[in-house]
Amino acid sequence: MQGIQEKILLFFQSISSPVLDQAAQLITMLGESTVIVVLLAIIFWCIDKKKGLVISISLLSSLIGMSTLKAIVRQPRPFMVLDSIKGKRLQTATGYSFPSGHTTTASSFYSAVAMNFRKKGLSIVLAILIFLIGISRMYLGVHWPLDVLGGWILGITITFALTSVLEKLFSDSEKTRKFCWITGALTSVSGLVMGLLVTLNLIDPMAFTDFCKTLGLAGGALFGFILEERFGKFTTDGEFRQKFFRTLIGVLSMLLVRAGLKAVMPSSAVFSFIRYLILGFWTFGCFPVLGVKIKLFQREN
């Protein structure tokens, strides 16, 4: 099987060129966490709050499943194993290889967007994008074909399995709050314990450091939803100008929070968990609550 996978990767390397390198790097960025979280926040802030919540939980479930598989399988990346494969954009190739994190993230997020908004043209574009992001990971030499296939299957399957269930769950405000409290507590405690174990070198940093970040983001987002429901209660309505400044200020604040926390906190796994916990809490809780007070958001009637 490795021989077949190597031939596929060598084919991509044989057609490489500076133009294709740039195209692949641009495409692969559309599956990276920063871009996806920003798009998710825009949906939550400006388009449909309930759909944003459904997409968020579906995506976070896929990421937790992906991180679990990475920690279990611990497959090295192809450029680490094969001298014939040259990896590109290596700063995005952290952790183990199977399944592909970019492919899982893109498959889950973009398929969830397609399922929630149900527009044929949009769905076709997003399906092509999911395919191209997976291809870009092989072209860049940072994932095996089976990693990409596993990411496609995992992200799409979890999204299809959860979307209708989550839509029903989040139609009930009381059930939504209970779900967010319980799941937020579980992910936060798990991430904190995991981060401490990695920091103390008791478990494999390569397998669990990114997992800590995922659990932190999940816990922060879930507690953020609770905060917004209690003190924000915003509506996504508003004129284009209001939504534009809402998005601009929101995205800039996210980037500032992320950069500021990274600058002042140590680089250990436990502090990575804390950074992402705060980022999720700010994005989905603190910013909307503050935004209602300064009139970036309108409050629900």
C-alpha atoms as a PDB file:
ATOM      1  CA  MET A   1       0.000   0.000   0.000  1.00  0.00           C
ATOM      2  CA  GLN A   2       2.843   2.411   0.806  1.00  0.00           C
ATOM      3  CA  GLY A   3       4.267   1.786  -2.677  1.00  0.00           C
ATOM      4  CA  ILE A   4       1.022   2.914  -4.322  1.00  0.00           C
ATOM      5  CA  GLN A   5       0.815   5.950  -2.069  1.00  0.00           C
ATOM      6  CA  GLU A   6       4.408   6.863  -2.855  1.00  0.00           C
ATOM      7  CA  LYS A   7       3.707   6.685  -6.593  1.00  0.00           C
ATOM      8  CA  ILE A   8       0.762   9.074  -6.165  1.00  0.00           C
ATOM      9  CA  LEU A   9       2.905  11.528  -4.196  1.00  0.00           C
ATOM     10  CA  LEU A  10       5.722  11.264  -6.733  1.00  0.00           C
ATOM     11  CA  PHE A  11       3.239  12.070  -9.508  1.00  0.00           C
ATOM     12  CA  PHE A  12       2.296  15.303  -7.733  1.00  0.00           C
ATOM     13  CA  GLN A  13       5.957  16.154  -7.245  1.00  0.00           C
ATOM     14  CA  SER A  14       6.619  15.480 -10.944  1.00  0.00           C
ATOM     15  CA  ILE A  15       4.077  18.111 -12.027  1.00  0.00           C
ATOM     16  CA  SER A  16       5.160  20.703  -9.457  1.00  0.00           C
ATOM     17  CA  SER A  17       5.990  24.227 -10.560  1.00  0.00           C
ATOM     18  CA  PRO A  18       6.232  27.633  -8.867  1.00  0.00           C
ATOM     19  CA  VAL A  19       2.742  28.519 -10.088  1.00  0.00           C
ATOM     20  CA  LEU A  20       1.202  25.278  -8.819  1.00  0.00           C
ATOM     21  CA  ASP A  21       3.133  25.642  -5.553  1.00  0.00           C
ATOM     22  CA  GLN A  22       1.535  29.034  -4.957  1.00  0.00           C
ATOM     23  CA  ALA A  23      -1.901  27.759  -5.955  1.00  0.00           C
ATOM     24  CA  ALA A  24      -1.613  24.758  -3.630  1.00  0.00           C
ATOM     25  CA  GLN A  25      -0.523  26.938  -0.739  1.00  0.00           C
ATOM     26  CA  LEU A  26      -3.428  29.325  -1.268  1.00  0.00           C
ATOM     27  CA  ILE A  27      -5.906  26.446  -1.489  1.00  0.00           C
ATOM     28  CA  THR A  28      -4.528  24.687   1.580  1.00  0.00           C
ATOM     29  CA  MET A  29      -4.908  27.921   3.589  1.00  0.00           C
ATOM     30  CA  LEU A  30      -8.681  27.614   3.142  1.00  0.00           C
ATOM     31  CA  GLY A  31      -8.536  24.509   5.339  1.00  0.00           C
ATOM     32  CA  GLU A  32      -6.437  26.090   8.095  1.00  0.00           C
ATOM     33  CA  SER A  33      -7.848  26.782  11.531  1.00  0.00           C
ATOM     34  CA  THR A  34      -7.424  30.571  11.421  1.00  0.00           C
ATOM     35  CA  VAL A  35      -9.426  30.949   8.211  1.00  0.00           C
ATOM     36  CA  ILE A  36     -12.101  28.466   9.282  1.00  0.00           C
ATOM     37  CA  VAL A  37     -12.611  30.051  12.721  1.00  0.00           C
ATOM     38  CA  VAL A  38     -12.924  33.504  11.124  1.00  0.00           C
ATOM     39  CA  LEU A  39     -15.510  32.229   8.603  1.00  0.00           C
ATOM     40  CA  LEU A  40     -17.367  30.435  11.375  1.00  0.00           C
ATOM     41  CA  ALA A  41     -17.427  33.577  13.507  1.00  0.00           C
ATOM     42  CA  ILE A  42     -18.798  35.618  10.585  1.00  0.00           C
ATOM     43  CA  ILE A  43     -21.630  33.110  10.122  1.00  0.00           C
ATOM     44  CA  PHE A  44     -22.393  33.255  13.859  1.00  0.00           C
ATOM     45  CA  TRP A  45     -22.197  37.059  14.069  1.00  0.00           C
ATOM     46  CA  CYS A  46     -23.769  38.154  10.788  1.00  0.00           C
ATOM     47  CA  ILE A  47     -25.739  35.429   9.020  1.00  0.00           C
ATOM     48  CA  ASP A  48     -27.522  32.953  11.310  1.00  0.00           C
ATOM     49  CA  LYS A  49     -26.693  32.415  14.977  1.00  0.00           C
ATOM     50  CA  LYS A  50     -28.363  29.009  15.287  1.00  0.00           C
ATOM     51  CA  LYS A  51     -26.770  27.684  12.104  1.00  0.00           C
ATOM     52  CA  GLY A  52     -23.432  29.045  13.336  1.00  0.00           C
ATOM     53  CA  LEU A  53     -23.872  27.080  16.547  1.00  0.00           C
ATOM     54  CA  VAL A  54     -24.767  23.878  14.669  1.00  0.00           C
ATOM     55  CA  ILE A  55     -21.777  24.234  12.328  1.00  0.00           C
ATOM     56  CA  SER A  56     -19.477  24.996  15.276  1.00  0.00           C
ATOM     57  CA  ILE A  57     -20.380  21.885  17.249  1.00  0.00           C
ATOM     58  CA  SER A  58     -20.267  19.687  14.156  1.00  0.00           C
ATOM     59  CA  LEU A  59     -16.814  21.024  13.288  1.00  0.00           C
ATOM     60  CA  LEU A  60     -15.469  20.715  16.841  1.00  0.00           C
ATOM     61  CA  SER A  61     -16.740  17.117  17.010  1.00  0.00           C
ATOM     62  CA  SER A  62     -14.884  16.315  13.786  1.00  0.00           C
ATOM     63  CA  LEU A  63     -11.693  17.930  15.104  1.00  0.00           C
ATOM     64  CA  ILE A  64     -11.856  15.975  18.347  1.00  0.00           C
ATOM     65  CA  GLY A  65     -12.395  12.762  16.372  1.00  0.00           C
ATOM     66  CA  MET A  66      -9.483  13.636  14.093  1.00  0.00           C
ATOM     67  CA  SER A  67      -7.179  14.439  17.030  1.00  0.00           C
ATOM     68  CA  THR A  68      -8.129  11.167  18.712  1.00  0.00           C
ATOM     69  CA  LEU A  69      -7.249   9.160  15.601  1.00  0.00           C
ATOM     70  CA  LYS A  70      -3.939  11.001  15.208  1.00  0.00           C
ATOM     71  CA  ALA A  71      -3.032  10.161  18.810  1.00  0.00           C
ATOM     72  CA  ILE A  72      -3.946   6.485  18.320  1.00  0.00           C
ATOM     73  CA  VAL A  73      -2.447   5.821  14.853  1.00  0.00           C
ATOM     74  CA  ARG A  74       0.648   8.081  15.083  1.00  0.00           C
ATOM     75  CA  GLN A  75       1.459   7.795  11.374  1.00  0.00           C
ATOM     76  CA  PRO A  76       4.618   9.717  10.343  1.00  0.00           C
ATOM     77  CA  ARG A  77       4.273  12.175   7.502  1.00  0.00           C
ATOM     78  CA  PRO A  78       5.546  11.118   4.063  1.00  0.00           C
ATOM     79  CA  PHE A  79       8.426  13.612   3.905  1.00  0.00           C
ATOM     80  CA  MET A  80       9.682  12.151   7.203  1.00  0.00           C
ATOM     81  CA  VAL A  81       9.733   8.610   5.807  1.00  0.00           C
ATOM     82  CA  LEU A  82      10.557   8.982   2.124  1.00  0.00           C
ATOM     83  CA  ASP A  83      13.690  10.719   0.873  1.00  0.00           C
ATOM     84  CA  SER A  84      11.992  11.108  -2.497  1.00  0.00           C
ATOM     85  CA  ILE A  85       9.261  13.362  -1.066  1.00  0.00           C
ATOM     86  CA  LYS A  86       9.965  17.005  -0.350  1.00  0.00           C
ATOM     87  CA  GLY A  87       7.482  18.579   2.045  1.00  0.00           C
ATOM     88  CA  LYS A  88       6.289  22.150   1.493  1.00  0.00           C
ATOM     89  CA  ARG A  89       4.550  24.600   3.841  1.00  0.00           C
ATOM     90  CA  LEU A  90       5.911  22.599   6.749  1.00  0.00           C
ATOM     91  CA  GLN A  91       4.733  25.115   9.337  1.00  0.00           C
ATOM     92  CA  THR A  92       1.256  23.638   8.837  1.00  0.00           C
ATOM     93  CA  ALA A  93       2.516  20.051   9.166  1.00  0.00           C
ATOM     94  CA  THR A  94       2.574  19.669  12.936  1.00  0.00           C
ATOM     95  CA  GLY A  95       1.617  16.463  14.706  1.00  0.00           C
ATOM     96  CA  TYR A  96       1.076  13.074  13.150  1.00  0.00           C
ATOM     97  CA  SER A  97      -0.240  12.406   9.679  1.00  0.00           C
ATOM     98  CA  PHE A  98      -3.427  10.300   9.767  1.00  0.00           C
ATOM     99  CA  PRO A  99      -6.016  11.630   9.176  1.00  0.00           C
ATOM    100  CA  SER A 100      -5.245  14.922   7.463  1.00  0.00           C
ATOM    101  CA  GLY A 101      -6.251  17.769   9.763  1.00  0.00           C
ATOM    102  CA  HIS A 102      -6.739  20.295   6.957  1.00  0.00           C
ATOM    103  CA  THR A 103      -8.863  17.851   4.983  1.00  0.00           C
ATOM    104  CA  THR A 104     -10.964  16.880   8.011  1.00  0.00           C
ATOM    105  CA  THR A 105     -11.473  20.522   8.964  1.00  0.00           C
ATOM    106  CA  ALA A 106     -12.433  21.574   5.441  1.00  0.00           C
ATOM    107  CA  SER A 107     -14.671  18.538   4.880  1.00  0.00           C
ATOM    108  CA  SER A 108     -16.543  19.118   8.125  1.00  0.00           C
ATOM    109  CA  PHE A 109     -16.887  22.890   7.915  1.00  0.00           C
ATOM    110  CA  TYR A 110     -17.718  23.305   4.234  1.00  0.00           C
ATOM    111  CA  SER A 111     -20.081  20.307   4.138  1.00  0.00           C
ATOM    112  CA  ALA A 112     -21.832  21.695   7.248  1.00  0.00           C
ATOM    113  CA  VAL A 113     -22.229  25.067   5.523  1.00  0.00           C
ATOM    114  CA  ALA A 114     -23.687  23.306   2.467  1.00  0.00           C
ATOM    115  CA  MET A 115     -26.112  21.270   4.590  1.00  0.00           C
ATOM    116  CA  ASN A 116     -27.275  24.238   6.639  1.00  0.00           C
ATOM    117  CA  PHE A 117     -27.811  26.685   3.769  1.00  0.00           C
ATOM    118  CA  ARG A 118     -28.870  24.191   1.077  1.00  0.00           C
ATOM    119  CA  LYS A 119     -28.116  26.163  -2.090  1.00  0.00           C
ATOM    120  CA  LYS A 120     -27.157  24.080  -5.083  1.00  0.00           C
ATOM    121  CA  GLY A 121     -24.548  26.425  -6.515  1.00  0.00           C
ATOM    122  CA  LEU A 122     -22.925  26.972  -3.119  1.00  0.00           C
ATOM    123  CA  SER A 123     -22.875  23.233  -2.439  1.00  0.00           C
ATOM    124  CA  ILE A 124     -21.102  22.506  -5.739  1.00  0.00           C
ATOM    125  CA  VAL A 125     -18.452  25.163  -5.082  1.00  0.00           C
ATOM    126  CA  LEU A 126     -17.872  23.875  -1.550  1.00  0.00           C
ATOM    127  CA  ALA A 127     -17.623  20.256  -2.716  1.00  0.00           C
ATOM    128  CA  ILE A 128     -14.939  21.267  -5.241  1.00  0.00           C
ATOM    129  CA  LEU A 129     -13.133  23.199  -2.509  1.00  0.00           C
ATOM    130  CA  ILE A 130     -13.154  20.195  -0.155  1.00  0.00           C
ATOM    131  CA  PHE A 131     -11.672  18.056  -2.938  1.00  0.00           C
ATOM    132  CA  LEU A 132      -8.981  20.599  -3.848  1.00  0.00           C
ATOM    133  CA  ILE A 133      -7.877  21.124  -0.240  1.00  0.00           C
ATOM    134  CA  GLY A 134      -7.311  17.385   0.101  1.00  0.00           C
ATOM    135  CA  ILE A 135      -5.369  17.299  -3.174  1.00  0.00           C
ATOM    136  CA  SER A 136      -3.264  20.263  -2.058  1.00  0.00           C
ATOM    137  CA  ARG A 137      -2.101  18.355   1.034  1.00  0.00           C
ATOM    138  CA  MET A 138      -0.776  15.537  -1.167  1.00  0.00           C
ATOM    139  CA  TYR A 139       0.732  17.959  -3.673  1.00  0.00           C
ATOM    140  CA  LEU A 140       2.622  19.671  -0.837  1.00  0.00           C
ATOM    141  CA  GLY A 141       3.960  16.299   0.302  1.00  0.00           C
ATOM    142  CA  VAL A 142       2.706  16.626   3.882  1.00  0.00           C
ATOM    143  CA  HIS A 143       0.084  13.860   3.783  1.00  0.00           C
ATOM    144  CA  TRP A 144      -0.341  10.363   2.401  1.00  0.00           C
ATOM    145  CA  PRO A 145      -3.318   9.696   0.115  1.00  0.00           C
ATOM    146  CA  LEU A 146      -4.912   7.575   2.863  1.00  0.00           C
ATOM    147  CA  ASP A 147      -4.618  10.538   5.256  1.00  0.00           C
ATOM    148  CA  VAL A 148      -6.620  12.663   2.845  1.00  0.00           C
ATOM    149  CA  LEU A 149      -9.182   9.933   2.184  1.00  0.00           C
ATOM    150  CA  GLY A 150      -9.589   9.454   5.933  1.00  0.00           C
ATOM    151  CA  GLY A 151     -10.067  13.211   6.412  1.00  0.00           C
ATOM    152  CA  TRP A 152     -12.751  13.374   3.710  1.00  0.00           C
ATOM    153  CA  ILE A 153     -14.645  10.422   5.190  1.00  0.00           C
ATOM    154  CA  LEU A 154     -14.330  11.546   8.809  1.00  0.00           C
ATOM    155  CA  GLY A 155     -15.315  15.183   8.305  1.00  0.00           C
ATOM    156  CA  ILE A 156     -18.257  14.525   6.002  1.00  0.00           C
ATOM    157  CA  THR A 157     -19.569  11.532   7.964  1.00  0.00           C
ATOM    158  CA  ILE A 158     -19.606  13.340  11.306  1.00  0.00           C
ATOM    159  CA  THR A 159     -21.256  16.377   9.740  1.00  0.00           C
ATOM    160  CA  PHE A 160     -23.994  14.320   8.117  1.00  0.00           C
ATOM    161  CA  ALA A 161     -24.548  12.337  11.318  1.00  0.00           C
ATOM    162  CA  LEU A 162     -24.778  15.352  13.621  1.00  0.00           C
ATOM    163  CA  THR A 163     -26.402  18.185  11.671  1.00  0.00           C
ATOM    164  CA  SER A 164     -30.061  17.168  11.979  1.00  0.00           C
ATOM    165  CA  VAL A 165     -29.560  16.038  15.600  1.00  0.00           C
ATOM    166  CA  LEU A 166     -27.971  19.369  16.527  1.00  0.00           C
ATOM    167  CA  GLU A 167     -30.674  21.361  14.726  1.00  0.00           C
ATOM    168  CA  LYS A 168     -33.322  19.687  16.903  1.00  0.00           C
ATOM    169  CA  LEU A 169     -31.251  20.015  20.073  1.00  0.00           C
ATOM    170  CA  PHE A 170     -30.599  23.732  19.604  1.00  0.00           C
ATOM    171  CA  SER A 171     -34.263  24.469  18.975  1.00  0.00           C
ATOM    172  CA  ASP A 172     -34.713  24.123  22.743  1.00  0.00           C
ATOM    173  CA  SER A 173     -32.930  26.856  24.726  1.00  0.00           C
ATOM    174  CA  GLU A 174     -32.815  24.865  27.960  1.00  0.00           C
ATOM    175  CA  LYS A 175     -31.335  21.797  26.259  1.00  0.00           C
ATOM    176  CA  THR A 176     -28.833  24.021  24.471  1.00  0.00           C
ATOM    177  CA  ARG A 177     -27.611  25.514  27.756  1.00  0.00           C
ATOM    178  CA  LYS A 178     -27.312  22.100  29.419  1.00  0.00           C
ATOM    179  CA  PHE A 179     -25.446  20.700  26.439  1.00  0.00           C
ATOM    180  CA  CYS A 180     -23.002  23.618  26.402  1.00  0.00           C
ATOM    181  CA  TRP A 181     -22.390  23.440  30.170  1.00  0.00           C
ATOM    182  CA  ILE A 182     -21.755  19.694  30.224  1.00  0.00           C
ATOM    183  CA  THR A 183     -19.758  19.471  26.992  1.00  0.00           C
ATOM    184  CA  GLY A 184     -17.822  22.644  27.768  1.00  0.00           C
ATOM    185  CA  ALA A 185     -16.832  21.304  31.180  1.00  0.00           C
ATOM    186  CA  LEU A 186     -15.766  17.931  29.759  1.00  0.00           C
ATOM    187  CA  THR A 187     -13.666  19.383  26.969  1.00  0.00           C
ATOM    188  CA  SER A 188     -12.086  22.020  29.228  1.00  0.00           C
ATOM    189  CA  VAL A 189     -11.123  19.583  31.984  1.00  0.00           C
ATOM    190  CA  SER A 190      -9.830  17.073  29.424  1.00  0.00           C
ATOM    191  CA  GLY A 191      -7.773  19.731  27.672  1.00  0.00           C
ATOM    192  CA  LEU A 192      -6.298  21.073  30.904  1.00  0.00           C
ATOM    193  CA  VAL A 193      -5.319  17.612  32.149  1.00  0.00           C
ATOM    194  CA  MET A 194      -3.888  16.712  28.753  1.00  0.00           C
ATOM    195  CA  GLY A 195      -1.915  19.958  28.636  1.00  0.00           C
ATOM    196  CA  LEU A 196      -0.448  19.328  32.090  1.00  0.00           C
ATOM    197  CA  LEU A 197       0.558  15.784  31.136  1.00  0.00           C
ATOM    198  CA  VAL A 198       2.257  17.007  27.937  1.00  0.00           C
ATOM    199  CA  THR A 199       4.028  19.803  29.829  1.00  0.00           C
ATOM    200  CA  LEU A 200       5.313  17.277  32.375  1.00  0.00           C
ATOM    201  CA  ASN A 201       6.488  15.010  29.503  1.00  0.00           C
ATOM    202  CA  LEU A 202       4.218  12.188  30.643  1.00  0.00           C
ATOM    203  CA  ILE A 203       2.519  11.791  27.248  1.00  0.00           C
ATOM    204  CA  ASP A 204       3.671  12.288  23.639  1.00  0.00           C
ATOM    205  CA  PRO A 205       3.790  16.034  22.792  1.00  0.00           C
ATOM    206  CA  MET A 206       3.525  15.357  19.051  1.00  0.00           C
ATOM    207  CA  ALA A 207       0.316  13.402  19.570  1.00  0.00           C
ATOM    208  CA  PHE A 208      -1.390  15.642  22.098  1.00  0.00           C
ATOM    209  CA  THR A 209      -0.217  19.283  21.819  1.00  0.00           C
ATOM    210  CA  ASP A 210      -2.581  20.151  18.950  1.00  0.00           C
ATOM    211  CA  PHE A 211      -5.278  18.073  20.674  1.00  0.00           C
ATOM    212  CA  CYS A 212      -4.992  20.421  23.687  1.00  0.00           C
ATOM    213  CA  LYS A 213      -5.608  23.416  21.423  1.00  0.00           C
ATOM    214  CA  THR A 214      -8.702  21.790  19.916  1.00  0.00           C
ATOM    215  CA  LEU A 215     -10.151  20.999  23.343  1.00  0.00           C
ATOM    216  CA  GLY A 216      -9.368  24.520  24.522  1.00  0.00           C
ATOM    217  CA  LEU A 217     -11.113  26.102  21.545  1.00  0.00           C
ATOM    218  CA  ALA A 218     -14.107  23.792  22.031  1.00  0.00           C
ATOM    219  CA  GLY A 219     -14.423  24.528  25.743  1.00  0.00           C
ATOM    220  CA  GLY A 220     -14.046  28.274  25.251  1.00  0.00           C
ATOM    221  CA  ALA A 221     -16.584  28.371  22.427  1.00  0.00           C
ATOM    222  CA  LEU A 222     -19.150  26.365  24.415  1.00  0.00           C
ATOM    223  CA  PHE A 223     -18.838  28.590  27.482  1.00  0.00           C
ATOM    224  CA  GLY A 224     -18.915  31.588  25.151  1.00  0.00           C
ATOM    225  CA  PHE A 225     -22.274  30.453  23.767  1.00  0.00           C
ATOM    226  CA  ILE A 226     -23.608  30.319  27.335  1.00  0.00           C
ATOM    227  CA  LEU A 227     -22.309  33.810  28.118  1.00  0.00           C
ATOM    228  CA  GLU A 228     -23.858  35.231  24.953  1.00  0.00           C
ATOM    229  CA  GLU A 229     -27.189  33.558  25.641  1.00  0.00           C
ATOM    230  CA  ARG A 230     -27.231  34.987  29.162  1.00  0.00           C
ATOM    231  CA  PHE A 231     -25.949  38.522  28.611  1.00  0.00           C
ATOM    232  CA  GLY A 232     -25.837  39.194  24.860  1.00  0.00           C
ATOM    233  CA  LYS A 233     -28.869  37.778  23.109  1.00  0.00           C
ATOM    234  CA  PHE A 234     -27.912  39.487  19.875  1.00  0.00           C
ATOM    235  CA  THR A 235     -29.566  39.171  16.510  1.00  0.00           C
ATOM    236  CA  THR A 236     -27.625  38.837  13.264  1.00  0.00           C
ATOM    237  CA  ASP A 237     -29.826  41.531  11.684  1.00  0.00           C
ATOM    238  CA  GLY A 238     -28.384  44.863  10.619  1.00  0.00           C
ATOM    239  CA  GLU A 239     -27.527  46.995   7.629  1.00  0.00           C
ATOM    240  CA  PHE A 240     -24.494  46.153   5.505  1.00  0.00           C
ATOM    241  CA  ARG A 241     -22.458  48.959   7.096  1.00  0.00           C
ATOM    242  CA  GLN A 242     -23.155  47.678  10.586  1.00  0.00           C
ATOM    243  CA  LYS A 243     -22.271  44.087   9.619  1.00  0.00           C
ATOM    244  CA  PHE A 244     -19.105  45.260   7.899  1.00  0.00           C
ATOM    245  CA  PHE A 245     -17.799  47.031  10.998  1.00  0.00           C
ATOM    246  CA  ARG A 246     -19.012  44.170  13.200  1.00  0.00           C
ATOM    247  CA  THR A 247     -16.940  41.748  11.133  1.00  0.00           C
ATOM    248  CA  LEU A 248     -13.922  44.031  10.827  1.00  0.00           C
ATOM    249  CA  ILE A 249     -13.715  44.814  14.545  1.00  0.00           C
ATOM    250  CA  GLY A 250     -14.509  41.230  15.499  1.00  0.00           C
ATOM    251  CA  VAL A 251     -11.839  39.664  13.301  1.00  0.00           C
ATOM    252  CA  LEU A 252      -9.220  42.233  14.348  1.00  0.00           C
ATOM    253  CA  SER A 253     -10.046  41.594  18.002  1.00  0.00           C
ATOM    254  CA  MET A 254      -9.655  37.840  17.489  1.00  0.00           C
ATOM    255  CA  LEU A 255      -6.253  38.297  15.877  1.00  0.00           C
ATOM    256  CA  LEU A 256      -5.155  40.688  18.629  1.00  0.00           C
ATOM    257  CA  VAL A 257      -6.299  38.319  21.370  1.00  0.00           C
ATOM    258  CA  ARG A 258      -4.505  35.414  19.739  1.00  0.00           C
ATOM    259  CA  ALA A 259      -1.280  37.340  19.083  1.00  0.00           C
ATOM    260  CA  GLY A 260      -1.315  39.043  22.472  1.00  0.00           C
ATOM    261  CA  LEU A 261      -1.801  35.823  24.410  1.00  0.00           C
ATOM    262  CA  LYS A 262       0.913  34.095  22.411  1.00  0.00           C
ATOM    263  CA  ALA A 263       3.320  36.957  23.137  1.00  0.00           C
ATOM    264  CA  VAL A 264       2.820  36.931  26.914  1.00  0.00           C
ATOM    265  CA  MET A 265       2.279  33.232  27.622  1.00  0.00           C
ATOM    266  CA  PRO A 266       4.893  30.451  27.629  1.00  0.00           C
ATOM    267  CA  SER A 267       4.826  28.024  24.706  1.00  0.00           C
ATOM    268  CA  SER A 268       3.986  24.930  26.777  1.00  0.00           C
ATOM    269  CA  ALA A 269       0.989  22.741  25.951  1.00  0.00           C
ATOM    270  CA  VAL A 270      -0.983  23.789  29.015  1.00  0.00           C
ATOM    271  CA  PHE A 271      -0.682  27.457  28.058  1.00  0.00           C
ATOM    272  CA  SER A 272      -1.583  26.604  24.452  1.00  0.00           C
ATOM    273  CA  PHE A 273      -4.775  25.093  25.852  1.00  0.00           C
ATOM    274  CA  ILE A 274      -5.457  28.242  27.876  1.00  0.00           C
ATOM    275  CA  ARG A 275      -4.821  30.519  24.872  1.00  0.00           C
ATOM    276  CA  TYR A 276      -7.302  28.682  22.702  1.00  0.00           C
ATOM    277  CA  LEU A 277      -9.830  28.482  25.551  1.00  0.00           C
ATOM    278  CA  ILE A 278      -9.715  32.273  25.888  1.00  0.00           C
ATOM    279  CA  LEU A 279      -9.854  32.760  22.105  1.00  0.00           C
ATOM    280  CA  GLY A 280     -13.002  30.620  21.824  1.00  0.00           C
ATOM    281  CA  PHE A 281     -14.598  32.360  24.813  1.00  0.00           C
ATOM    282  CA  TRP A 282     -13.823  35.808  23.382  1.00  0.00           C
ATOM    283  CA  THR A 283     -15.031  35.026  19.861  1.00  0.00           C
ATOM    284  CA  PHE A 284     -18.366  33.442  20.739  1.00  0.00           C
ATOM    285  CA  GLY A 285     -19.102  35.076  24.080  1.00  0.00           C
ATOM    286  CA  CYS A 286     -17.239  38.229  25.103  1.00  0.00           C
ATOM    287  CA  PHE A 287     -17.169  39.963  21.725  1.00  0.00           C
ATOM    288  CA  PRO A 288     -20.926  39.555  21.028  1.00  0.00           C
ATOM    289  CA  VAL A 289     -21.794  40.716  24.566  1.00  0.00           C
ATOM    290  CA  LEU A 290     -19.536  43.760  24.196  1.00  0.00           C
ATOM    291  CA  GLY A 291     -20.819  44.292  20.664  1.00  0.00           C
ATOM    292  CA  VAL A 292     -24.417  44.587  21.892  1.00  0.00           C
ATOM    293  CA  LYS A 293     -23.356  47.277  24.367  1.00  0.00           C
ATOM    294  CA  ILE A 294     -21.516  49.363  21.768  1.00  0.00           C
ATOM    295  CA  LYS A 295     -24.247  48.883  19.130  1.00  0.00           C
ATOM    296  CA  LEU A 296     -22.305  46.638  16.761  1.00  0.00           C
ATOM    297  CA  PHE A 297     -25.092  44.113  17.305  1.00  0.00           C
ATOM    298  CA  GLN A 298     -28.804  44.592  17.804  1.00  0.00           C
ATOM    299  CA  ARG A 299     -30.374  42.899  20.816  1.00  0.00           C
ATOM    300  CA  GLU A 300     -33.168  40.381  20.302  1.00  0.00           C
ATOM    301  CA  ASN A 301     -36.653  41.692  21.069  1.00  0.00           C
END
